[in-house]
């Protein structure tokens, strides 16, 4: 005869899990742990994706606001004459002013007064006008400038004595060229 299991007691967890072997209980516990770990990992991935999406939305909103605030501007056609003037100004600003100033400071002499500097950007040179009361000071100043490493060539181009002045100052001009780099 076959055995018939008749059980009229109400169902409960204890009665359902009671007849299970310890191996099945361990498998069930491991399954619950894996399900919880997968849920936590899935939630972290979901939260990270939501944060990335929110960041992408904020960036898109900022870019849209920037485009609305700064609409694209059509390029401006600059006439050749104006472009040449702008390029000349840019070349003047790109003149090695600091090195030129430092070089002239290193060559400064108490009896020589600098009156003007006129750079010639195409020739990489500067026209210096200076004044002194002694011709020897003029020659020494010229030698000192020639010894400066910034200048590759220094030439005296003009000198004159002002007879109208009681001190009879010597005004001289020299051309100093630097190496183009």
N, C-alpha and C. Protein backbone atom coordinates (compact mmCIF):
# COMPACT_ATOMS: atom_id res chain seq x y z
N UNK A 1 0.78 -1.17 0.00
CA UNK A 1 0.00 0.00 0.00
C UNK A 1 0.84 1.26 0.00
N UNK A 2 0.29 2.26 -0.60
CA UNK A 2 1.01 3.52 -0.64
C UNK A 2 0.63 4.35 0.55
N UNK A 3 1.56 5.08 0.90
CA UNK A 3 1.41 5.93 2.07
C UNK A 3 0.76 7.24 1.65
N UNK A 4 -0.21 7.68 2.37
CA UNK A 4 -0.91 8.91 2.09
C UNK A 4 -0.62 9.84 3.26
N UNK A 5 -0.16 11.06 2.89
CA UNK A 5 0.13 12.05 3.93
C UNK A 5 -1.09 12.94 4.06
N UNK A 6 -1.71 12.84 5.19
CA UNK A 6 -2.87 13.66 5.47
C UNK A 6 -2.46 14.61 6.58
N UNK A 7 -2.59 15.90 6.25
CA UNK A 7 -2.19 16.90 7.23
C UNK A 7 -3.19 18.03 7.16
N UNK A 8 -3.95 18.23 8.21
CA UNK A 8 -4.97 19.26 8.24
C UNK A 8 -4.53 20.50 9.02
N UNK A 9 -3.28 20.53 9.43
CA UNK A 9 -2.78 21.68 10.19
C UNK A 9 -2.60 22.87 9.24
N UNK A 10 -2.76 24.12 9.74
CA UNK A 10 -2.59 25.27 8.86
C UNK A 10 -1.12 25.41 8.40
N UNK A 11 -0.94 25.95 7.24
CA UNK A 11 0.40 26.13 6.67
C UNK A 11 1.15 27.25 7.42
N UNK A 12 2.47 27.06 7.60
CA UNK A 12 3.34 28.06 8.22
C UNK A 12 4.75 27.83 7.69
N UNK A 13 5.59 28.83 7.91
CA UNK A 13 6.97 28.72 7.45
C UNK A 13 7.68 27.55 8.14
N UNK A 14 7.44 27.43 9.36
CA UNK A 14 8.09 26.36 10.12
C UNK A 14 7.69 24.99 9.59
N UNK A 15 6.43 24.82 9.29
CA UNK A 15 5.97 23.53 8.79
C UNK A 15 6.47 23.30 7.36
N UNK A 16 6.62 24.40 6.57
CA UNK A 16 7.08 24.24 5.20
C UNK A 16 8.58 23.93 5.16
N UNK A 17 9.37 24.62 6.00
CA UNK A 17 10.82 24.43 5.98
C UNK A 17 11.28 23.30 6.90
N UNK A 18 10.42 22.84 7.75
CA UNK A 18 10.80 21.80 8.72
C UNK A 18 11.29 20.52 8.07
N UNK A 19 10.62 20.00 7.08
CA UNK A 19 11.08 18.74 6.51
C UNK A 19 12.29 18.88 5.58
N UNK A 20 12.79 20.12 5.31
CA UNK A 20 13.93 20.29 4.41
C UNK A 20 15.21 19.85 5.10
N UNK A 21 16.13 19.33 4.30
CA UNK A 21 17.42 18.89 4.85
C UNK A 21 18.32 20.12 5.05
N UNK A 22 19.37 20.01 5.87
CA UNK A 22 20.27 21.15 6.11
C UNK A 22 20.96 21.65 4.83
N UNK A 23 21.21 20.79 3.88
CA UNK A 23 21.83 21.21 2.62
C UNK A 23 20.90 22.16 1.88
N UNK A 24 19.61 21.81 1.83
CA UNK A 24 18.65 22.67 1.16
C UNK A 24 18.49 24.00 1.90
N UNK A 25 18.58 23.94 3.22
CA UNK A 25 18.51 25.19 4.00
C UNK A 25 19.70 26.10 3.67
N UNK A 26 20.90 25.50 3.53
CA UNK A 26 22.09 26.27 3.19
C UNK A 26 21.96 26.86 1.79
N UNK A 27 21.46 26.06 0.84
CA UNK A 27 21.25 26.54 -0.52
C UNK A 27 20.24 27.68 -0.53
N UNK A 28 19.17 27.54 0.25
CA UNK A 28 18.16 28.59 0.32
C UNK A 28 18.75 29.86 0.94
N UNK A 29 19.54 29.74 2.00
CA UNK A 29 20.17 30.90 2.64
C UNK A 29 21.15 31.57 1.68
N UNK A 30 21.96 30.76 0.96
CA UNK A 30 22.90 31.31 -0.01
C UNK A 30 22.16 32.03 -1.13
N UNK A 31 21.04 31.49 -1.56
CA UNK A 31 20.24 32.13 -2.59
C UNK A 31 19.71 33.48 -2.12
N UNK A 32 19.27 33.55 -0.89
CA UNK A 32 18.77 34.81 -0.34
C UNK A 32 19.91 35.82 -0.26
N UNK A 33 21.09 35.41 0.18
CA UNK A 33 22.25 36.31 0.27
C UNK A 33 22.62 36.81 -1.12
N UNK A 34 22.66 35.93 -2.10
CA UNK A 34 23.00 36.33 -3.47
C UNK A 34 21.95 37.29 -4.02
N UNK A 35 20.68 37.02 -3.73
CA UNK A 35 19.62 37.92 -4.21
C UNK A 35 19.75 39.30 -3.58
N UNK A 36 20.07 39.35 -2.29
CA UNK A 36 20.25 40.65 -1.62
C UNK A 36 21.46 41.39 -2.20
N UNK A 37 22.58 40.66 -2.40
CA UNK A 37 23.78 41.29 -2.97
C UNK A 37 23.51 41.80 -4.39
N UNK A 38 22.79 41.01 -5.18
CA UNK A 38 22.46 41.44 -6.54
C UNK A 38 21.56 42.66 -6.51
N UNK A 39 20.64 42.72 -5.56
CA UNK A 39 19.76 43.88 -5.45
C UNK A 39 20.55 45.14 -5.09
N UNK A 40 21.47 45.00 -4.12
CA UNK A 40 22.28 46.15 -3.71
C UNK A 40 23.15 46.62 -4.88
N UNK A 41 23.80 45.66 -5.56
CA UNK A 41 24.64 46.02 -6.71
C UNK A 41 23.80 46.66 -7.82
N UNK A 42 22.65 46.10 -8.10
CA UNK A 42 21.77 46.66 -9.12
C UNK A 42 21.31 48.07 -8.76
N UNK A 43 21.02 48.29 -7.47
CA UNK A 43 20.61 49.63 -7.05
C UNK A 43 21.76 50.62 -7.21
N UNK A 44 22.97 50.20 -6.88
CA UNK A 44 24.12 51.10 -7.05
C UNK A 44 24.33 51.46 -8.52
N UNK A 45 24.22 50.46 -9.39
CA UNK A 45 24.36 50.73 -10.83
C UNK A 45 23.25 51.68 -11.28
N UNK A 46 22.04 51.44 -10.82
CA UNK A 46 20.91 52.31 -11.17
C UNK A 46 21.14 53.73 -10.67
N UNK A 47 21.59 53.88 -9.42
CA UNK A 47 21.83 55.21 -8.85
C UNK A 47 22.95 55.92 -9.61
N UNK A 48 24.02 55.20 -9.98
CA UNK A 48 25.12 55.80 -10.73
C UNK A 48 24.63 56.25 -12.11
N UNK A 49 23.82 55.43 -12.75
CA UNK A 49 23.28 55.82 -14.06
C UNK A 49 22.37 57.03 -13.94
N UNK A 50 21.60 57.10 -12.89
CA UNK A 50 20.72 58.25 -12.68
C UNK A 50 21.55 59.51 -12.45
N UNK A 51 22.63 59.39 -11.67
CA UNK A 51 23.50 60.55 -11.42
C UNK A 51 24.16 61.01 -12.71
N UNK A 52 24.63 60.06 -13.53
CA UNK A 52 25.24 60.42 -14.81
C UNK A 52 24.22 61.10 -15.73
N UNK A 53 23.03 60.56 -15.75
CA UNK A 53 21.99 61.16 -16.60
C UNK A 53 21.64 62.56 -16.12
N UNK A 54 21.57 62.75 -14.79
CA UNK A 54 21.28 64.08 -14.25
C UNK A 54 22.40 65.06 -14.60
N UNK A 55 23.65 64.61 -14.51
CA UNK A 55 24.79 65.45 -14.88
C UNK A 55 24.74 65.80 -16.37
N UNK A 56 24.45 64.81 -17.21
CA UNK A 56 24.34 65.07 -18.64
C UNK A 56 23.22 66.06 -18.93
N UNK A 57 22.11 65.96 -18.21
CA UNK A 57 21.00 66.90 -18.40
C UNK A 57 21.40 68.31 -17.99
N UNK A 58 22.12 68.44 -16.85
CA UNK A 58 22.57 69.77 -16.41
C UNK A 58 23.54 70.39 -17.41
N UNK A 59 24.46 69.56 -17.93
CA UNK A 59 25.41 70.07 -18.92
C UNK A 59 24.68 70.51 -20.19
N UNK A 60 23.71 69.71 -20.63
CA UNK A 60 22.94 70.08 -21.82
C UNK A 60 22.16 71.37 -21.59
N UNK A 61 21.60 71.54 -20.38
CA UNK A 61 20.87 72.77 -20.07
C UNK A 61 21.81 73.97 -20.08
N UNK A 62 23.01 73.80 -19.50
CA UNK A 62 23.98 74.89 -19.49
C UNK A 62 24.42 75.27 -20.90
N UNK A 63 24.67 74.25 -21.71
CA UNK A 63 25.08 74.52 -23.10
C UNK A 63 23.96 75.21 -23.86
N UNK A 64 22.72 74.78 -23.64
CA UNK A 64 21.59 75.41 -24.32
C UNK A 64 21.45 76.86 -23.87
N UNK A 65 21.62 77.10 -22.56
CA UNK A 65 21.54 78.47 -22.05
C UNK A 65 22.68 79.32 -22.62
N UNK A 66 23.87 78.73 -22.74
CA UNK A 66 25.02 79.46 -23.29
C UNK A 66 24.76 79.81 -24.76
N UNK A 67 24.19 78.86 -25.51
CA UNK A 67 23.91 79.13 -26.92
C UNK A 67 22.83 80.20 -27.05
N UNK A 68 21.83 80.16 -26.15
CA UNK A 68 20.79 81.20 -26.19
C UNK A 68 21.37 82.56 -25.83
N UNK A 69 22.26 82.59 -24.84
CA UNK A 69 22.84 83.86 -24.39
C UNK A 69 23.87 84.39 -25.38
N UNK A 70 24.58 83.49 -26.06
CA UNK A 70 25.63 83.89 -27.00
C UNK A 70 25.35 83.25 -28.36
N UNK A 71 24.44 83.82 -29.10
CA UNK A 71 24.13 83.23 -30.41
C UNK A 71 25.35 83.32 -31.32
N UNK A 72 25.48 82.39 -32.26
CA UNK A 72 26.64 82.43 -33.15
C UNK A 72 26.65 83.72 -33.97
N UNK A 73 27.84 84.25 -34.14
CA UNK A 73 28.01 85.50 -34.86
C UNK A 73 28.61 85.19 -36.22
N UNK A 74 28.07 85.82 -37.22
CA UNK A 74 28.61 85.62 -38.57
C UNK A 74 30.01 86.20 -38.64
N UNK A 75 30.91 85.55 -39.37
CA UNK A 75 32.27 86.08 -39.48
C UNK A 75 32.27 87.46 -40.12
N UNK A 76 33.17 88.28 -39.64
CA UNK A 76 33.27 89.66 -40.13
C UNK A 76 34.38 89.71 -41.17
N UNK A 77 34.04 90.27 -42.31
CA UNK A 77 35.04 90.44 -43.36
C UNK A 77 35.85 91.70 -43.05
N UNK A 78 37.17 91.51 -42.89
CA UNK A 78 38.05 92.63 -42.57
C UNK A 78 38.77 93.05 -43.84
N UNK A 79 38.70 94.32 -44.19
CA UNK A 79 39.42 94.79 -45.38
C UNK A 79 40.93 94.59 -45.22
N UNK A 80 41.62 94.41 -46.32
CA UNK A 80 43.05 94.13 -46.30
C UNK A 80 43.84 95.23 -45.62
N UNK A 81 43.47 96.49 -45.85
CA UNK A 81 44.18 97.61 -45.24
C UNK A 81 44.05 97.56 -43.72
N UNK A 82 42.84 97.27 -43.25
CA UNK A 82 42.62 97.18 -41.81
C UNK A 82 43.33 95.96 -41.22
N UNK A 83 43.33 94.84 -41.94
CA UNK A 83 44.03 93.64 -41.47
C UNK A 83 45.53 93.90 -41.36
N UNK A 84 46.08 94.63 -42.31
CA UNK A 84 47.52 94.96 -42.24
C UNK A 84 47.81 95.86 -41.04
N UNK A 85 46.92 96.80 -40.75
CA UNK A 85 47.12 97.67 -39.59
C UNK A 85 47.04 96.86 -38.30
N UNK A 86 46.10 95.94 -38.24
CA UNK A 86 45.97 95.09 -37.04
C UNK A 86 47.21 94.22 -36.88
N UNK A 87 47.71 93.67 -37.97
CA UNK A 87 48.92 92.84 -37.90
C UNK A 87 50.13 93.66 -37.47
N UNK A 88 50.21 94.91 -37.91
CA UNK A 88 51.32 95.77 -37.49
C UNK A 88 51.26 96.04 -35.99
N UNK A 89 50.06 96.26 -35.49
CA UNK A 89 49.90 96.47 -34.04
C UNK A 89 50.29 95.22 -33.28
N UNK A 90 49.87 94.06 -33.79
CA UNK A 90 50.22 92.80 -33.12
C UNK A 90 51.73 92.59 -33.12
N UNK A 91 52.39 92.91 -34.24
CA UNK A 91 53.86 92.77 -34.27
C UNK A 91 54.52 93.72 -33.27
N UNK A 92 53.97 94.93 -33.13
CA UNK A 92 54.52 95.88 -32.16
C UNK A 92 54.37 95.34 -30.75
N UNK A 93 53.22 94.75 -30.47
CA UNK A 93 52.99 94.21 -29.13
C UNK A 93 53.87 92.98 -28.87
N UNK A 94 54.23 92.27 -29.93
CA UNK A 94 55.06 91.07 -29.78
C UNK A 94 56.56 91.39 -29.78
N UNK A 95 56.89 92.65 -29.85
CA UNK A 95 58.29 93.07 -29.76
C UNK A 95 58.85 92.62 -28.40
N UNK A 96 60.08 92.16 -28.35
CA UNK A 96 60.64 91.71 -27.07
C UNK A 96 60.96 92.90 -26.15
N UNK A 97 59.91 93.59 -25.73
CA UNK A 97 60.08 94.81 -24.93
C UNK A 97 60.84 94.56 -23.65
N UNK A 98 60.53 93.47 -22.95
CA UNK A 98 61.17 93.22 -21.66
C UNK A 98 62.67 93.01 -21.83
N UNK A 99 63.07 92.21 -22.81
CA UNK A 99 64.50 91.97 -23.02
C UNK A 99 65.20 93.25 -23.47
N UNK A 100 64.50 94.04 -24.30
CA UNK A 100 65.07 95.32 -24.75
C UNK A 100 65.27 96.25 -23.56
N UNK A 101 64.26 96.35 -22.70
CA UNK A 101 64.37 97.21 -21.53
C UNK A 101 65.48 96.73 -20.60
N UNK A 102 65.54 95.41 -20.35
CA UNK A 102 66.59 94.88 -19.48
C UNK A 102 67.98 95.14 -20.05
N UNK A 103 68.11 95.01 -21.36
CA UNK A 103 69.41 95.25 -22.00
C UNK A 103 69.81 96.72 -21.86
N UNK A 104 68.85 97.62 -22.11
CA UNK A 104 69.17 99.05 -21.98
C UNK A 104 69.43 99.42 -20.52
N UNK A 105 68.75 98.78 -19.58
CA UNK A 105 69.04 99.03 -18.16
C UNK A 105 70.45 98.57 -17.80
N UNK A 106 70.86 97.42 -18.35
CA UNK A 106 72.21 96.92 -18.07
C UNK A 106 73.29 97.84 -18.66
N UNK A 107 72.96 98.52 -19.74
CA UNK A 107 73.95 99.39 -20.40
C UNK A 107 73.84 100.84 -19.94
N UNK A 108 72.97 101.14 -19.02
CA UNK A 108 72.73 102.53 -18.59
C UNK A 108 74.01 103.15 -18.02
N UNK A 109 74.19 104.40 -18.35
CA UNK A 109 75.33 105.16 -17.84
C UNK A 109 74.81 106.46 -17.26
N UNK A 110 75.43 106.97 -16.21
CA UNK A 110 74.92 108.18 -15.57
C UNK A 110 75.00 109.43 -16.44
N UNK A 111 75.95 109.50 -17.37
CA UNK A 111 76.13 110.71 -18.18
C UNK A 111 75.45 110.62 -19.54
N UNK A 112 74.71 109.53 -19.79
CA UNK A 112 74.02 109.35 -21.07
C UNK A 112 72.53 109.29 -20.80
N UNK A 113 71.78 110.16 -21.48
CA UNK A 113 70.33 110.21 -21.32
C UNK A 113 69.66 109.67 -22.58
N UNK A 114 68.80 108.68 -22.41
CA UNK A 114 68.03 108.16 -23.54
C UNK A 114 66.89 109.12 -23.84
N UNK A 115 66.74 109.48 -25.09
CA UNK A 115 65.68 110.41 -25.47
C UNK A 115 64.52 109.70 -26.16
N UNK A 116 64.82 108.71 -27.00
CA UNK A 116 63.74 108.01 -27.69
C UNK A 116 64.20 106.64 -28.16
N UNK A 117 63.20 105.78 -28.34
CA UNK A 117 63.39 104.44 -28.91
C UNK A 117 62.38 104.31 -30.04
N UNK A 118 62.84 103.88 -31.20
CA UNK A 118 61.94 103.67 -32.34
C UNK A 118 62.22 102.30 -32.93
N UNK A 119 61.39 101.30 -32.59
CA UNK A 119 61.64 99.95 -33.11
C UNK A 119 61.26 99.84 -34.59
N UNK A 120 62.03 99.06 -35.31
CA UNK A 120 61.72 98.71 -36.70
C UNK A 120 61.55 97.20 -36.71
N UNK A 121 60.29 96.75 -36.73
CA UNK A 121 60.00 95.33 -36.56
C UNK A 121 60.42 94.50 -37.76
N UNK A 122 60.38 95.09 -38.93
CA UNK A 122 60.77 94.32 -40.13
C UNK A 122 62.26 94.01 -40.14
N UNK A 123 63.06 94.91 -39.60
CA UNK A 123 64.52 94.73 -39.58
C UNK A 123 65.01 94.18 -38.24
N UNK A 124 64.11 93.96 -37.29
CA UNK A 124 64.47 93.49 -35.95
C UNK A 124 65.54 94.40 -35.34
N UNK A 125 65.23 95.68 -35.35
CA UNK A 125 66.19 96.64 -34.81
C UNK A 125 65.44 97.76 -34.11
N UNK A 126 66.21 98.56 -33.39
CA UNK A 126 65.64 99.71 -32.71
C UNK A 126 66.59 100.90 -32.93
N UNK A 127 65.98 102.06 -33.21
CA UNK A 127 66.76 103.29 -33.36
C UNK A 127 66.72 104.00 -32.01
N UNK A 128 67.89 104.21 -31.44
CA UNK A 128 68.01 104.82 -30.11
C UNK A 128 68.58 106.22 -30.29
N UNK A 129 67.89 107.20 -29.70
CA UNK A 129 68.40 108.56 -29.68
C UNK A 129 68.79 108.88 -28.24
N UNK A 130 70.01 109.34 -28.05
CA UNK A 130 70.52 109.62 -26.71
C UNK A 130 71.31 110.92 -26.74
N UNK A 131 71.65 111.40 -25.54
CA UNK A 131 72.37 112.67 -25.43
C UNK A 131 73.38 112.56 -24.29
N UNK A 132 74.53 113.16 -24.51
CA UNK A 132 75.57 113.19 -23.49
C UNK A 132 76.36 114.50 -23.66
N UNK A 133 77.18 114.82 -22.68
CA UNK A 133 77.97 116.04 -22.77
C UNK A 133 79.42 115.75 -23.16
N UNK A 134 79.80 114.49 -23.21
CA UNK A 134 81.19 114.12 -23.45
C UNK A 134 81.23 113.10 -24.60
N UNK A 135 82.06 113.35 -25.62
CA UNK A 135 82.14 112.39 -26.73
C UNK A 135 82.66 111.02 -26.29
N UNK A 136 83.51 110.99 -25.27
CA UNK A 136 84.02 109.70 -24.78
C UNK A 136 82.88 108.86 -24.20
N UNK A 137 81.93 109.51 -23.53
CA UNK A 137 80.79 108.77 -22.99
C UNK A 137 79.95 108.17 -24.12
N UNK A 138 79.86 108.87 -25.23
CA UNK A 138 79.11 108.34 -26.37
C UNK A 138 79.78 107.07 -26.89
N UNK A 139 81.09 107.08 -27.02
CA UNK A 139 81.84 105.92 -27.52
C UNK A 139 81.74 104.76 -26.53
N UNK A 140 81.87 105.06 -25.24
CA UNK A 140 81.78 104.01 -24.22
C UNK A 140 80.38 103.39 -24.23
N UNK A 141 79.36 104.22 -24.36
CA UNK A 141 77.98 103.72 -24.39
C UNK A 141 77.78 102.80 -25.60
N UNK A 142 78.34 103.18 -26.73
CA UNK A 142 78.25 102.36 -27.92
C UNK A 142 78.92 101.00 -27.70
N UNK A 143 80.09 101.00 -27.07
CA UNK A 143 80.80 99.74 -26.78
C UNK A 143 80.01 98.87 -25.80
N UNK A 144 79.45 99.52 -24.78
CA UNK A 144 78.68 98.75 -23.79
C UNK A 144 77.47 98.09 -24.45
N UNK A 145 76.81 98.81 -25.35
CA UNK A 145 75.66 98.22 -26.05
C UNK A 145 76.10 97.07 -26.96
N UNK A 146 77.26 97.20 -27.59
CA UNK A 146 77.76 96.12 -28.46
C UNK A 146 78.07 94.86 -27.66
N UNK A 147 78.40 95.02 -26.38
CA UNK A 147 78.75 93.87 -25.54
C UNK A 147 77.51 93.16 -24.98
N UNK A 148 76.35 93.74 -25.15
CA UNK A 148 75.13 93.13 -24.64
C UNK A 148 74.76 91.92 -25.51
N UNK A 149 74.42 90.78 -24.88
CA UNK A 149 74.12 89.57 -25.67
C UNK A 149 72.83 89.67 -26.48
N UNK A 150 71.93 90.55 -26.12
CA UNK A 150 70.67 90.69 -26.85
C UNK A 150 70.89 91.26 -28.25
N UNK A 151 71.82 92.21 -28.36
CA UNK A 151 72.06 92.85 -29.65
C UNK A 151 73.12 92.09 -30.43
N UNK A 152 72.88 91.95 -31.74
CA UNK A 152 73.87 91.31 -32.60
C UNK A 152 74.68 92.34 -33.37
N UNK A 153 74.14 93.56 -33.50
CA UNK A 153 74.87 94.61 -34.22
C UNK A 153 74.41 95.97 -33.69
N UNK A 154 75.38 96.84 -33.37
CA UNK A 154 75.07 98.20 -32.92
C UNK A 154 75.96 99.15 -33.71
N UNK A 155 75.30 100.10 -34.40
CA UNK A 155 76.03 101.04 -35.25
C UNK A 155 75.62 102.46 -34.92
N UNK A 156 76.60 103.36 -34.85
CA UNK A 156 76.33 104.78 -34.69
C UNK A 156 75.92 105.32 -36.06
N UNK A 157 74.73 105.93 -36.14
CA UNK A 157 74.23 106.40 -37.44
C UNK A 157 74.30 107.91 -37.59
N UNK A 158 74.25 108.64 -36.47
CA UNK A 158 74.26 110.10 -36.59
C UNK A 158 74.65 110.70 -35.24
N UNK A 159 75.37 111.82 -35.29
CA UNK A 159 75.64 112.57 -34.06
C UNK A 159 75.80 114.04 -34.42
N UNK A 160 75.44 114.90 -33.48
CA UNK A 160 75.56 116.35 -33.69
C UNK A 160 75.72 117.04 -32.34
N UNK A 161 76.38 118.18 -32.37
CA UNK A 161 76.58 118.98 -31.16
C UNK A 161 75.62 120.14 -31.22
N UNK A 162 74.92 120.37 -30.15
CA UNK A 162 73.96 121.47 -30.07
C UNK A 162 74.72 122.71 -29.59
N UNK A 163 75.07 123.58 -30.51
CA UNK A 163 75.81 124.80 -30.17
C UNK A 163 74.92 125.84 -29.50
N UNK A 164 73.62 125.72 -29.63
CA UNK A 164 72.69 126.67 -29.04
C UNK A 164 72.67 126.55 -27.51
N UNK A 165 72.94 125.34 -27.01
CA UNK A 165 72.89 125.09 -25.57
C UNK A 165 74.25 125.43 -24.96
N UNK A 166 74.24 125.96 -23.74
CA UNK A 166 75.49 126.34 -23.07
C UNK A 166 76.35 125.13 -22.71
N UNK A 167 75.70 123.96 -22.46
CA UNK A 167 76.45 122.74 -22.10
C UNK A 167 77.00 122.01 -23.33
N UNK A 168 76.58 122.46 -24.52
CA UNK A 168 76.99 121.85 -25.78
C UNK A 168 76.81 120.32 -25.76
N UNK A 169 75.58 119.84 -25.55
CA UNK A 169 75.37 118.39 -25.51
C UNK A 169 75.52 117.76 -26.89
N UNK A 170 75.94 116.52 -26.87
CA UNK A 170 76.07 115.75 -28.10
C UNK A 170 74.86 114.84 -28.20
N UNK A 171 74.07 115.05 -29.22
CA UNK A 171 72.90 114.17 -29.46
C UNK A 171 73.32 113.17 -30.54
N UNK A 172 73.10 111.90 -30.26
CA UNK A 172 73.51 110.88 -31.22
C UNK A 172 72.41 109.83 -31.37
N UNK A 173 72.44 109.21 -32.56
CA UNK A 173 71.51 108.13 -32.86
C UNK A 173 72.30 106.89 -33.21
N UNK A 174 71.79 105.78 -32.77
CA UNK A 174 72.42 104.52 -33.13
C UNK A 174 71.34 103.50 -33.46
N UNK A 175 71.72 102.55 -34.26
CA UNK A 175 70.82 101.47 -34.69
C UNK A 175 71.33 100.19 -34.04
N UNK A 176 70.46 99.53 -33.29
CA UNK A 176 70.83 98.28 -32.62
C UNK A 176 69.91 97.18 -33.11
N UNK A 177 70.49 96.13 -33.65
CA UNK A 177 69.69 95.00 -34.19
C UNK A 177 69.82 93.81 -33.26
N UNK A 178 68.71 93.08 -33.14
CA UNK A 178 68.72 91.84 -32.34
C UNK A 178 68.43 90.67 -33.26
N UNK A 179 68.76 89.49 -32.80
CA UNK A 179 68.56 88.29 -33.61
C UNK A 179 67.07 87.94 -33.62
N UNK A 180 66.56 87.59 -34.79
CA UNK A 180 65.16 87.17 -34.88
C UNK A 180 65.08 85.70 -34.51
N UNK A 181 64.10 85.38 -33.64
CA UNK A 181 63.98 83.98 -33.19
C UNK A 181 62.62 83.49 -33.48
